[in-house]
């Protein structure tokens, strides 16, 4: 277990995989069990509208909690407590043989699921290296998705709706709790930091570089653009998939098999998006065309299972992009860490809207297809404008914001004036306002030795006082 603490990427992959396998599989079990009590249309409304809406609400509650009560919500103990509290609702949802009770208990459980999403996606943004974010998220969801597919094969899907499966879910809930014991508390915003100084963690446990954090004001425009773009992407993705599911060719598809293909898309996307965020975004946008193409070309076709599997594979692009895009903001400034789950929350809200529209708005298939295609065109234009803005904004940020940390600035200044390592250390102390006695005590040297190094420092930099050398250092910024 010591290796897990030393490898945060692996630790949080396992936490997300275990938690998502537990919640995703329980969600599937409820969906299959509900078919014994309600029509297919009613089950779709419950699982894709009611449950998804409650998951979105749970994520929203977590975000509000992180902003209003960071001293509570940033800790791992509340996550553990909420996991433990939600598990009995899951068990009751699957064990009580009553349709209404199953819906009520399932509603509470899905609210908990949303809070789980908020916690572990924020942990992902806080502790996994930026260059591994996509892969970490993709592989964790892929493992969980394949796990759900694997248990659906046991007994020709009978195990998925058996009482024994509840024991398996409880085991994975406990496994998630055990893994959380080795996790760190979520870091706080700069303005809250002083109140938590005594609880601060090591720098190695938190890959966010505080000294290089971007000014939050510079990130708000990006946040607004991402909210609009991800909302439109979610609309195209959900509407396009909904349109395809309405085709005759999809009436006898193997839905559990699609999850295996979904896993492939998640992993591939994670690798691509880690190499290039721009390329990952463009491929995500391109992947949204598949449901539209399938709807227009396969209206009377066959091989519904194969076509839907390909659709889910492409869906992996959007699933990863909607998380990484917002997690990146948390990497740039901790104030945006609570927004790590915002992309998934938006997608869940859109799923609710699309489900209601597809069931209750009377429009022809062609009208729905044309409307979705027009929204896709708008998304394409806005996304290209967003990329251009981010590129120019990045250049502006380089010109206007400090590009170097204090350590890097000192190193560059020392190299420029030929300072020794000891002179650089003493310059750092002078810049921090320390006197000769404090410097001597810090390095276990005499005051006269300190003054000797300071004298050499002055000569090399051409300064006549400590104030002047500090001012000269500041001008290098």
Protein backbone atom coordinates (compact mmCIF):
# COMPACT_ATOMS: atom_id res chain seq x y z
CA UNK A 1 0.00 0.00 0.00
CA UNK A 2 2.99 2.31 0.47
CA UNK A 3 3.49 2.24 -3.29
CA UNK A 4 -0.03 3.61 -3.78
CA UNK A 5 0.79 6.72 -1.73
CA UNK A 6 3.95 7.18 -3.78
CA UNK A 7 2.03 6.78 -7.05
CA UNK A 8 -1.04 9.10 -6.89
CA UNK A 9 -2.00 8.38 -10.50
CA UNK A 10 -2.43 4.66 -9.80
CA UNK A 11 -4.20 5.34 -6.49
CA UNK A 12 -6.85 7.60 -8.01
CA UNK A 13 -7.30 5.33 -11.03
CA UNK A 14 -8.17 2.53 -8.61
CA UNK A 15 -10.47 4.75 -6.52
CA UNK A 16 -12.42 5.92 -9.58
CA UNK A 17 -12.52 2.45 -11.15
CA UNK A 18 -13.79 0.78 -7.97
CA UNK A 19 -16.38 3.46 -7.24
CA UNK A 20 -17.65 3.72 -10.81
CA UNK A 21 -17.86 -0.07 -11.20
CA UNK A 22 -19.96 -0.18 -8.03
CA UNK A 23 -22.30 2.68 -8.96
CA UNK A 24 -22.46 2.02 -12.73
CA UNK A 25 -23.22 -1.67 -12.28
CA UNK A 26 -25.84 -0.96 -9.60
CA UNK A 27 -27.44 1.52 -11.99
CA UNK A 28 -27.63 -1.21 -14.67
CA UNK A 29 -29.07 -3.71 -12.18
CA UNK A 30 -31.82 -1.29 -11.22
CA UNK A 31 -32.63 -0.62 -14.87
CA UNK A 32 -33.09 -4.35 -15.60
CA UNK A 33 -35.12 -4.93 -12.42
CA UNK A 34 -37.47 -2.03 -13.19
CA UNK A 35 -38.60 -3.76 -16.40
CA UNK A 36 -40.54 -6.23 -14.21
CA UNK A 37 -42.71 -3.39 -12.90
CA UNK A 38 -42.87 -0.71 -15.60
CA UNK A 39 -43.03 -0.32 -19.37
CA UNK A 40 -39.85 0.26 -21.38
CA UNK A 41 -40.79 3.92 -21.85
CA UNK A 42 -41.28 4.42 -18.11
CA UNK A 43 -37.96 2.72 -17.35
CA UNK A 44 -36.22 5.05 -19.80
CA UNK A 45 -37.78 8.07 -18.09
CA UNK A 46 -36.73 6.81 -14.64
CA UNK A 47 -33.16 5.92 -15.56
CA UNK A 48 -32.33 8.61 -18.14
CA UNK A 49 -34.36 11.52 -16.75
CA UNK A 50 -35.03 11.05 -13.03
CA UNK A 51 -31.78 9.28 -12.09
CA UNK A 52 -29.53 11.40 -14.30
CA UNK A 53 -31.19 14.55 -13.02
CA UNK A 54 -30.51 13.51 -9.42
CA UNK A 55 -26.88 12.67 -10.27
CA UNK A 56 -26.48 16.17 -11.70
CA UNK A 57 -28.07 17.62 -8.57
CA UNK A 58 -25.64 15.63 -6.41
CA UNK A 59 -22.67 17.06 -8.31
CA UNK A 60 -24.09 20.55 -7.90
CA UNK A 61 -24.46 20.03 -4.14
CA UNK A 62 -20.84 18.91 -3.93
CA UNK A 63 -19.63 21.99 -5.83
CA UNK A 64 -21.61 24.28 -3.55
CA UNK A 65 -20.24 22.45 -0.53
CA UNK A 66 -16.67 22.90 -1.77
CA UNK A 67 -17.23 26.64 -2.17
CA UNK A 68 -19.21 27.28 1.02
CA UNK A 69 -17.71 24.70 3.40
CA UNK A 70 -14.25 23.84 2.05
CA UNK A 71 -12.98 22.86 5.52
CA UNK A 72 -15.50 19.98 5.45
CA UNK A 73 -15.89 19.00 1.81
CA UNK A 74 -12.19 19.03 0.96
CA UNK A 75 -11.53 16.18 3.40
CA UNK A 76 -11.66 12.49 2.52
CA UNK A 77 -13.62 11.55 5.67
CA UNK A 78 -16.93 13.03 4.39
CA UNK A 79 -16.46 11.10 1.13
CA UNK A 80 -16.00 7.90 3.13
CA UNK A 81 -19.05 8.71 5.28
CA UNK A 82 -21.22 9.45 2.23
CA UNK A 83 -20.10 6.22 0.56
CA UNK A 84 -21.04 4.27 3.67
CA UNK A 85 -24.39 6.07 3.97
CA UNK A 86 -25.35 5.52 0.34
CA UNK A 87 -24.67 1.78 0.34
CA UNK A 88 -27.81 0.75 2.32
CA UNK A 89 -29.96 2.70 -0.15
CA UNK A 90 -28.31 0.75 -2.99
CA UNK A 91 -28.98 -2.55 -1.23
CA UNK A 92 -32.61 -1.67 -0.55
CA UNK A 93 -33.06 -0.49 -4.13
CA UNK A 94 -32.07 -3.93 -5.45
CA UNK A 95 -33.47 -6.20 -2.74
CA UNK A 96 -36.95 -4.80 -2.08
CA UNK A 97 -39.32 -6.32 -4.63
CA UNK A 98 -41.53 -3.30 -5.12
CA UNK A 99 -41.40 -0.94 -8.09
CA UNK A 100 -42.22 2.25 -6.17
CA UNK A 101 -39.78 1.47 -3.33
CA UNK A 102 -37.12 0.69 -5.92
CA UNK A 103 -37.63 4.11 -7.52
CA UNK A 104 -37.59 6.01 -4.21
CA UNK A 105 -34.49 4.28 -2.85
CA UNK A 106 -32.88 4.52 -6.29
CA UNK A 107 -33.52 8.26 -6.35
CA UNK A 108 -31.67 8.75 -3.07
CA UNK A 109 -28.85 6.49 -4.22
CA UNK A 110 -28.43 8.42 -7.48
CA UNK A 111 -28.20 11.66 -5.52
CA UNK A 112 -25.32 10.06 -3.62
CA UNK A 113 -23.77 8.94 -6.91
CA UNK A 114 -23.64 12.56 -8.06
CA UNK A 115 -21.77 13.52 -4.87
CA UNK A 116 -19.37 10.61 -5.45
CA UNK A 117 -18.72 11.93 -8.96
CA UNK A 118 -17.94 15.37 -7.56
CA UNK A 119 -15.48 14.03 -5.01
CA UNK A 120 -13.43 11.70 -7.15
CA UNK A 121 -13.31 13.96 -10.22
CA UNK A 122 -12.03 16.78 -8.01
CA UNK A 123 -9.43 14.42 -6.55
CA UNK A 124 -8.44 13.47 -10.09
CA UNK A 125 -7.91 17.14 -10.99
CA UNK A 126 -6.01 17.85 -7.78
CA UNK A 127 -3.60 14.94 -7.59
CA UNK A 128 -3.03 13.38 -11.02
CA UNK A 129 -0.36 14.92 -13.23
CA UNK A 130 -1.74 17.09 -16.03
CA UNK A 131 -0.03 14.94 -18.68
CA UNK A 132 -1.81 11.82 -17.38
CA UNK A 133 -5.28 13.22 -16.70
CA UNK A 134 -6.92 11.87 -19.84
CA UNK A 135 -5.41 8.41 -19.57
CA UNK A 136 -6.10 8.15 -15.81
CA UNK A 137 -9.76 9.03 -16.28
CA UNK A 138 -10.14 6.95 -19.45
CA UNK A 139 -8.56 3.79 -18.07
CA UNK A 140 -10.43 3.98 -14.75
CA UNK A 141 -13.80 4.30 -16.48
CA UNK A 142 -12.82 1.68 -19.04
CA UNK A 143 -11.92 -0.87 -16.35
CA UNK A 144 -15.20 -0.20 -14.55
CA UNK A 145 -17.20 -0.39 -17.77
CA UNK A 146 -15.60 -3.71 -18.81
CA UNK A 147 -16.27 -4.99 -15.28
CA UNK A 148 -19.97 -4.21 -15.66
CA UNK A 149 -20.00 -5.96 -19.02
CA UNK A 150 -18.23 -9.00 -17.51
CA UNK A 151 -20.76 -9.52 -14.71
CA UNK A 152 -23.60 -9.06 -17.19
CA UNK A 153 -22.37 -12.22 -18.96
CA UNK A 154 -22.72 -14.36 -15.82
CA UNK A 155 -25.79 -16.53 -16.07
CA UNK A 156 -27.02 -14.78 -19.21
CA UNK A 157 -27.49 -11.50 -17.27
CA UNK A 158 -29.28 -13.25 -14.40
CA UNK A 159 -26.45 -12.45 -11.94
CA UNK A 160 -26.91 -8.73 -12.66
CA UNK A 161 -30.42 -8.90 -11.16
CA UNK A 162 -29.74 -11.46 -8.43
CA UNK A 163 -29.54 -10.82 -4.69
CA UNK A 164 -25.95 -12.08 -4.72
CA UNK A 165 -24.83 -9.14 -6.87
CA UNK A 166 -25.59 -6.80 -3.94
CA UNK A 167 -22.81 -8.51 -1.97
CA UNK A 168 -20.39 -7.81 -4.82
CA UNK A 169 -21.38 -4.14 -4.87
CA UNK A 170 -20.91 -3.83 -1.11
CA UNK A 171 -17.44 -5.35 -1.47
CA UNK A 172 -16.50 -2.72 -4.06
CA UNK A 173 -17.94 0.06 -1.90
CA UNK A 174 -15.70 -1.17 0.95
CA UNK A 175 -12.75 -1.42 -1.46
CA UNK A 176 -13.29 2.22 -2.45
CA UNK A 177 -13.33 3.23 1.22
CA UNK A 178 -10.12 1.26 1.87
CA UNK A 179 -8.36 2.99 -1.05
CA UNK A 180 -9.57 6.40 0.15
CA UNK A 181 -7.67 5.84 3.39
CA UNK A 182 -4.46 6.36 1.40
CA UNK A 183 -5.68 9.47 -0.42
CA UNK A 184 -5.00 13.12 0.46
CA UNK A 185 -7.39 15.91 1.37
CA UNK A 186 -8.30 18.19 -1.55
CA UNK A 187 -6.11 21.36 -1.48
CA UNK A 188 -7.79 24.65 -0.63
CA UNK A 189 -7.91 28.01 -2.38
CA UNK A 190 -5.18 30.53 -1.66
CA UNK A 191 -7.53 32.75 0.36
CA UNK A 192 -8.43 29.84 2.67
CA UNK A 193 -4.90 28.50 2.99
CA UNK A 194 -3.92 30.29 6.22
CA UNK A 195 -6.68 28.64 8.20
CA UNK A 196 -5.40 25.21 7.18
CA UNK A 197 -1.63 25.75 7.54
CA UNK A 198 -1.40 23.18 10.31
CA UNK A 199 -3.05 20.58 8.08
CA UNK A 200 -1.03 21.21 4.91
CA UNK A 201 0.26 18.24 2.94
CA UNK A 202 3.58 17.68 1.23
CA UNK A 203 4.26 19.20 -2.19
CA UNK A 204 4.85 15.72 -3.61
CA UNK A 205 1.25 14.75 -2.80
CA UNK A 206 -0.12 17.70 -4.73
CA UNK A 207 1.15 18.21 -8.30
CA UNK A 208 -0.51 21.65 -8.53
CA UNK A 209 2.24 24.29 -8.52
CA UNK A 210 0.94 27.08 -6.29
CA UNK A 211 3.59 29.61 -7.34
CA UNK A 212 2.66 29.27 -11.00
CA UNK A 213 -1.11 29.44 -10.51
CA UNK A 214 -2.91 31.56 -13.08
CA UNK A 215 -4.92 34.54 -11.87
CA UNK A 216 -8.54 33.31 -11.44
CA UNK A 217 -9.84 36.36 -13.32
CA UNK A 218 -8.02 35.13 -16.43
CA UNK A 219 -9.76 31.75 -16.23
CA UNK A 220 -13.39 32.90 -15.98
CA UNK A 221 -13.71 33.61 -19.76
CA UNK A 222 -12.41 30.09 -20.49
CA UNK A 223 -14.89 28.64 -17.99
CA UNK A 224 -17.80 30.44 -19.67
CA UNK A 225 -16.76 29.27 -23.14
CA UNK A 226 -16.36 25.68 -21.94
CA UNK A 227 -19.79 25.66 -20.31
CA UNK A 228 -21.43 26.75 -23.58
CA UNK A 229 -19.40 24.40 -25.79
CA UNK A 230 -19.77 21.34 -23.56
CA UNK A 231 -23.50 22.02 -23.26
CA UNK A 232 -23.85 22.08 -27.06
CA UNK A 233 -21.60 19.02 -27.45
CA UNK A 234 -23.70 17.18 -24.88
CA UNK A 235 -26.86 18.13 -26.73
CA UNK A 236 -25.53 16.81 -30.04
CA UNK A 237 -24.16 13.66 -28.40
CA UNK A 238 -27.32 12.86 -26.45
CA UNK A 239 -29.76 13.86 -29.21
CA UNK A 240 -27.77 12.05 -31.90
CA UNK A 241 -27.60 8.85 -29.85
CA UNK A 242 -31.30 9.15 -29.01
CA UNK A 243 -32.17 9.52 -32.67
CA UNK A 244 -30.19 6.46 -33.56
CA UNK A 245 -31.79 4.40 -30.80
CA UNK A 246 -35.18 5.21 -32.31
CA UNK A 247 -34.26 3.39 -35.53
CA UNK A 248 -35.64 -0.06 -36.36
CA UNK A 249 -32.08 -1.38 -36.65
CA UNK A 250 -31.49 -0.75 -32.95
CA UNK A 251 -34.49 -2.64 -31.65
CA UNK A 252 -32.60 -5.85 -30.89
CA UNK A 253 -29.15 -4.55 -30.03
CA UNK A 254 -26.93 -6.04 -27.32
CA UNK A 255 -26.66 -3.04 -24.98
CA UNK A 256 -24.23 -4.66 -22.54
CA UNK A 257 -21.75 -5.34 -25.37
CA UNK A 258 -21.68 -1.62 -26.19
CA UNK A 259 -19.94 -0.98 -22.86
CA UNK A 260 -16.89 -2.94 -24.00
CA UNK A 261 -16.59 -0.73 -27.07
CA UNK A 262 -17.15 2.31 -24.87
CA UNK A 263 -14.08 1.23 -22.90
CA UNK A 264 -11.96 1.20 -26.07
CA UNK A 265 -13.04 4.73 -26.91
CA UNK A 266 -12.26 5.93 -23.37
CA UNK A 267 -8.69 4.59 -23.38
CA UNK A 268 -7.85 5.77 -26.90
CA UNK A 269 -9.24 9.23 -26.19
CA UNK A 270 -7.33 9.48 -22.91
CA UNK A 271 -4.03 8.78 -24.67
CA UNK A 272 -4.76 11.25 -27.48
CA UNK A 273 -5.98 14.06 -25.26
CA UNK A 274 -2.90 13.79 -23.03
CA UNK A 275 -0.68 14.29 -26.06
CA UNK A 276 -2.64 17.28 -27.35
CA UNK A 277 -5.67 18.97 -25.81
CA UNK A 278 -6.44 20.74 -29.11
CA UNK A 279 -6.32 17.53 -31.15
CA UNK A 280 -8.42 15.74 -28.54
CA UNK A 281 -11.03 18.51 -28.71
CA UNK A 282 -11.17 18.46 -32.49
CA UNK A 283 -11.50 14.66 -32.59
CA UNK A 284 -14.24 14.89 -29.96
CA UNK A 285 -16.10 17.32 -32.18
CA UNK A 286 -15.60 15.05 -35.20
CA UNK A 287 -16.83 12.01 -33.24
CA UNK A 288 -20.20 13.69 -32.65
CA UNK A 289 -21.02 13.36 -36.33
CA UNK A 290 -21.30 9.56 -36.14
CA UNK A 291 -24.83 9.35 -34.63
CA UNK A 292 -26.04 11.86 -37.24
CA UNK A 293 -24.49 9.85 -40.06
CA UNK A 294 -25.85 6.59 -38.63
CA UNK A 295 -29.32 8.10 -38.33
CA UNK A 296 -29.36 9.27 -41.94
CA UNK A 297 -27.71 6.22 -43.52
CA UNK A 298 -28.93 3.30 -41.41
CA UNK A 299 -32.60 4.16 -41.12
CA UNK A 300 -33.56 0.90 -42.74
CA UNK A 301 -30.34 -0.98 -42.18
CA UNK A 302 -29.34 -4.01 -40.15
CA UNK A 303 -26.46 -4.79 -37.80
CA UNK A 304 -27.84 -2.48 -35.11
CA UNK A 305 -25.53 -3.91 -32.44
CA UNK A 306 -22.38 -3.23 -34.48
CA UNK A 307 -23.49 0.28 -35.37
CA UNK A 308 -24.36 1.12 -31.77
CA UNK A 309 -21.04 -0.34 -30.53
CA UNK A 310 -19.20 2.01 -32.88
CA UNK A 311 -21.36 4.86 -31.63
CA UNK A 312 -20.40 4.12 -28.02
CA UNK A 313 -16.74 3.89 -28.98
CA UNK A 314 -16.94 7.43 -30.37
CA UNK A 315 -18.87 8.49 -27.28
CA UNK A 316 -15.66 7.83 -25.34
CA UNK A 317 -14.16 10.98 -26.88
CA UNK A 318 -16.79 13.26 -25.42
CA UNK A 319 -16.83 11.38 -22.09
CA UNK A 320 -13.11 12.10 -21.56
CA UNK A 321 -13.05 15.61 -23.03
CA UNK A 322 -15.91 16.90 -20.85
CA UNK A 323 -13.94 15.95 -17.73
CA UNK A 324 -10.37 16.89 -18.73
CA UNK A 325 -11.41 20.31 -20.09
CA UNK A 326 -12.69 21.39 -16.66
CA UNK A 327 -10.04 19.50 -14.67
CA UNK A 328 -7.40 21.54 -16.50
CA UNK A 329 -8.86 24.71 -14.97
CA UNK A 330 -8.31 23.24 -11.51
CA UNK A 331 -4.70 22.57 -12.46
CA UNK A 332 -4.25 26.24 -13.31
CA UNK A 333 -5.83 27.51 -10.08
CA UNK A 334 -7.20 25.61 -7.07
CA UNK A 335 -10.21 27.95 -6.93
CA UNK A 336 -11.53 26.01 -9.96
CA UNK A 337 -11.06 22.51 -8.52
CA UNK A 338 -14.77 22.23 -7.56
CA UNK A 339 -15.60 22.67 -11.27
CA UNK A 340 -13.82 19.40 -12.20
CA UNK A 341 -17.18 17.63 -12.38
CA UNK A 342 -18.98 20.46 -14.16
CA UNK A 343 -18.66 18.86 -17.61
CA UNK A 344 -20.25 15.61 -16.45
CA UNK A 345 -22.94 17.55 -14.57
CA UNK A 346 -23.83 19.52 -17.71
CA UNK A 347 -23.99 16.28 -19.72
CA UNK A 348 -26.35 14.72 -17.17
CA UNK A 349 -28.68 17.74 -17.24
CA UNK A 350 -28.71 17.65 -21.05
CA UNK A 351 -29.50 13.91 -20.98
CA UNK A 352 -32.56 14.74 -18.89
CA UNK A 353 -33.68 17.44 -21.34
CA UNK A 354 -33.14 15.24 -24.42
CA UNK A 355 -34.94 12.27 -22.86
CA UNK A 356 -38.00 14.41 -22.18
CA UNK A 357 -37.89 16.01 -25.64
CA UNK A 358 -37.56 12.68 -27.47
CA UNK A 359 -40.46 11.14 -25.55
CA UNK A 360 -42.87 14.05 -25.28
CA UNK A 361 -42.24 16.45 -28.19
CA UNK A 362 -43.97 15.34 -31.36
CA UNK A 363 -41.49 15.91 -34.19
CA UNK A 364 -40.63 13.83 -37.20
CA UNK A 365 -37.31 11.98 -37.34
CA UNK A 366 -36.09 14.26 -40.13
CA UNK A 367 -36.98 17.41 -38.17
CA UNK A 368 -35.06 16.13 -35.15
CA UNK A 369 -32.09 15.20 -37.35
CA UNK A 370 -31.98 18.61 -39.04
CA UNK A 371 -32.29 20.44 -35.72
CA UNK A 372 -29.44 18.42 -34.23
CA UNK A 373 -27.28 18.99 -37.30
CA UNK A 374 -27.82 22.77 -37.04
CA UNK A 375 -26.79 22.74 -33.39
CA UNK A 376 -23.73 20.72 -34.35
CA UNK A 377 -22.82 23.39 -36.93
CA UNK A 378 -23.09 26.07 -34.24
CA UNK A 379 -20.93 23.98 -31.93
CA UNK A 380 -18.29 23.64 -34.64
CA UNK A 381 -18.10 27.40 -35.19
CA UNK A 382 -17.95 28.21 -31.48
CA UNK A 383 -15.33 25.57 -30.81
CA UNK A 384 -13.02 26.92 -33.52
CA UNK A 385 -13.48 30.44 -32.12
CA UNK A 386 -12.71 29.07 -28.66
CA UNK A 387 -9.46 27.48 -29.85
CA UNK A 388 -8.40 30.72 -31.54
CA UNK A 389 -9.24 32.71 -28.43
CA UNK A 390 -7.37 30.34 -26.13
CA UNK A 391 -4.30 30.45 -28.37
CA UNK A 392 -4.20 34.26 -28.43
CA UNK A 393 -5.13 34.42 -24.76
CA UNK A 394 -2.23 32.13 -23.92
CA UNK A 395 0.17 34.48 -25.68
CA UNK A 396 -1.29 37.44 -23.79
CA UNK A 397 -0.94 35.61 -20.51
CA UNK A 398 2.73 34.93 -21.19
CA UNK A 399 3.28 38.61 -21.85
CA UNK A 400 1.32 39.90 -18.86
CA UNK A 401 1.74 37.32 -16.10
CA UNK A 402 4.91 36.25 -14.24
CA UNK A 403 6.32 33.33 -16.20
CA UNK A 404 8.85 32.15 -13.61
CA UNK A 405 8.58 30.83 -10.07
CA UNK A 406 10.68 32.48 -7.35
CA UNK A 407 13.21 29.66 -7.45
CA UNK A 408 13.55 29.87 -11.23
CA UNK A 409 13.91 33.66 -11.05
CA UNK A 410 16.67 33.38 -8.45
CA UNK A 411 18.45 30.75 -10.54
CA UNK A 412 18.32 32.93 -13.66
CA UNK A 413 19.50 36.01 -11.71
CA UNK A 414 22.37 34.04 -10.13
CA UNK A 415 23.47 32.67 -13.49
CA UNK A 416 23.39 36.15 -15.02
CA UNK A 417 25.69 37.63 -12.34
CA UNK A 418 27.80 34.54 -11.66
CA UNK A 419 26.65 33.97 -8.07
CA UNK A 420 27.70 30.88 -6.19
CA UNK A 421 25.14 28.47 -4.72
CA UNK A 422 25.68 29.93 -1.23
CA UNK A 423 25.34 33.50 -2.52
CA UNK A 424 22.07 32.52 -4.22
CA UNK A 425 20.76 31.05 -0.96
CA UNK A 426 21.68 34.19 0.96
CA UNK A 427 20.09 36.38 -1.71
CA UNK A 428 16.89 34.39 -1.22
CA UNK A 429 17.06 35.11 2.51
CA UNK A 430 17.69 38.83 1.92
CA UNK A 431 14.69 38.91 -0.42
CA UNK A 432 12.63 37.31 2.35
CA UNK A 433 13.65 40.11 4.75
CA UNK A 434 15.94 38.09 7.04
CA UNK A 435 18.78 39.77 8.95
CA UNK A 436 22.38 38.56 9.36
CA UNK A 437 21.66 36.66 12.58
CA UNK A 438 18.74 34.77 11.05
CA UNK A 439 20.77 33.90 7.94
CA UNK A 440 23.72 32.72 10.03
CA UNK A 441 21.44 30.55 12.16
CA UNK A 442 19.73 29.04 9.10
CA UNK A 443 22.99 27.93 7.46
CA UNK A 444 25.00 27.29 10.65
CA UNK A 445 27.68 29.84 9.75
CA UNK A 446 29.02 32.95 11.50
CA UNK A 447 27.75 36.50 10.95
CA UNK A 448 31.12 37.49 9.50
CA UNK A 449 30.82 34.71 6.90
CA UNK A 450 27.34 35.97 6.05
CA UNK A 451 28.67 39.52 5.58
CA UNK A 452 31.53 38.16 3.42
CA UNK A 453 29.06 36.47 1.05
CA UNK A 454 26.84 39.57 0.98
CA UNK A 455 29.87 41.72 0.11
CA UNK A 456 30.71 39.44 -2.83
CA UNK A 457 27.04 39.46 -3.84
CA UNK A 458 26.99 43.27 -3.93
CA UNK A 459 30.17 43.44 -6.02
CA UNK A 460 28.95 40.94 -8.60
CA UNK A 461 25.58 42.65 -9.03
CA UNK A 462 26.94 46.21 -8.89
CA UNK A 463 24.71 47.16 -5.96
CA UNK A 464 25.54 49.23 -2.88
CA UNK A 465 22.77 48.09 -0.52
CA UNK A 466 20.48 45.18 0.21
CA UNK A 467 17.47 47.22 -0.82
CA UNK A 468 19.07 47.87 -4.19
CA UNK A 469 19.87 44.21 -4.84
CA UNK A 470 16.30 43.18 -3.91
CA UNK A 471 14.94 45.86 -6.24
CA UNK A 472 17.26 44.65 -9.00
CA UNK A 473 16.03 41.09 -8.50
CA UNK A 474 12.43 42.28 -8.73
CA UNK A 475 13.16 44.08 -12.02
CA UNK A 476 14.25 40.77 -13.54
CA UNK A 477 10.63 39.60 -13.19
